[in-house]
């Protein structure tokens, strides 16, 4: 056997021989058919999808045939509305500020209405003065109407207070007077009646009130003759307590006007009254 010495050119020669003996065309092999079951993806035109394909920089041209190309069209066939015919001449130039065209615009307005600057000021003054005069007149009418409602006539004032002379009312008698459209019961009580009403136990009363709290003078009992149940007028000197009795639903009051029996929830009301002098009674 012969042995060949190793040299550096031997690997290179073996690689060249291998490339020469390699077939020129690779062997063809049929790949198995793959069926995709994924649903077709429709191209959704949304802001996000369009933003991804929109250019992010300036348009440039590349001569590399492997890179995608993009063509952007300029729509010059769209007719935009022009309002130049409606604008005044000073307002057509977009480079001029509004302050610079103010005198010309005012002059146009003055010419349209046919007045000058002094006439316009005079018209403004007249409008302000006329508005102030009209407002004053309306305010005057309003105040007069309001005072007419608030102001009370003399006859109403006369009914607001009633003066009664009790000198002719004997002991044990009742007097009924009219005050503001309501009856007022006035009772000249005896000493026995005063002691009886003052000795009533307050715990037994539906609306507890002492007799002294309901009178300014013990001998004179003054109260409204209106039942506190449904507004009927009680009958004096009647009922189980010899005071006042409401025949509508059977409410019994004593001589002090306190509810003692029946459906009435409260005592008879006491009107504002005073005794300015002697037997003179002023109600209201």
Foldseek 3Di string as FASTA:
>chain_A
DDDDDDDPCVVVVVVVVVVVPDDPDDDDDDDDDDDDPDDDDDDDDDPVVVVVPDDPDDADDDPDPVDDHDDDDDPPPDDDDDCPVVDDPVPPDPVDDPVVCVVVVVVVVCVVVVHDPVVVVVVVVVVVVVVVVVVVVVVVVVVVVVCVVVDDDPVVVCLQKDKDFCPPPDAQDWDWDAGPNFIKIKHQYDPVLLVVQQPDDQVQALARDGLVVQDPDSRIAIFTQFFQPPGAGWDALDDPQRGTFGPPFTWDAHVNQTTRDTDGRGGTHGFDWDDPDDRMIMTD
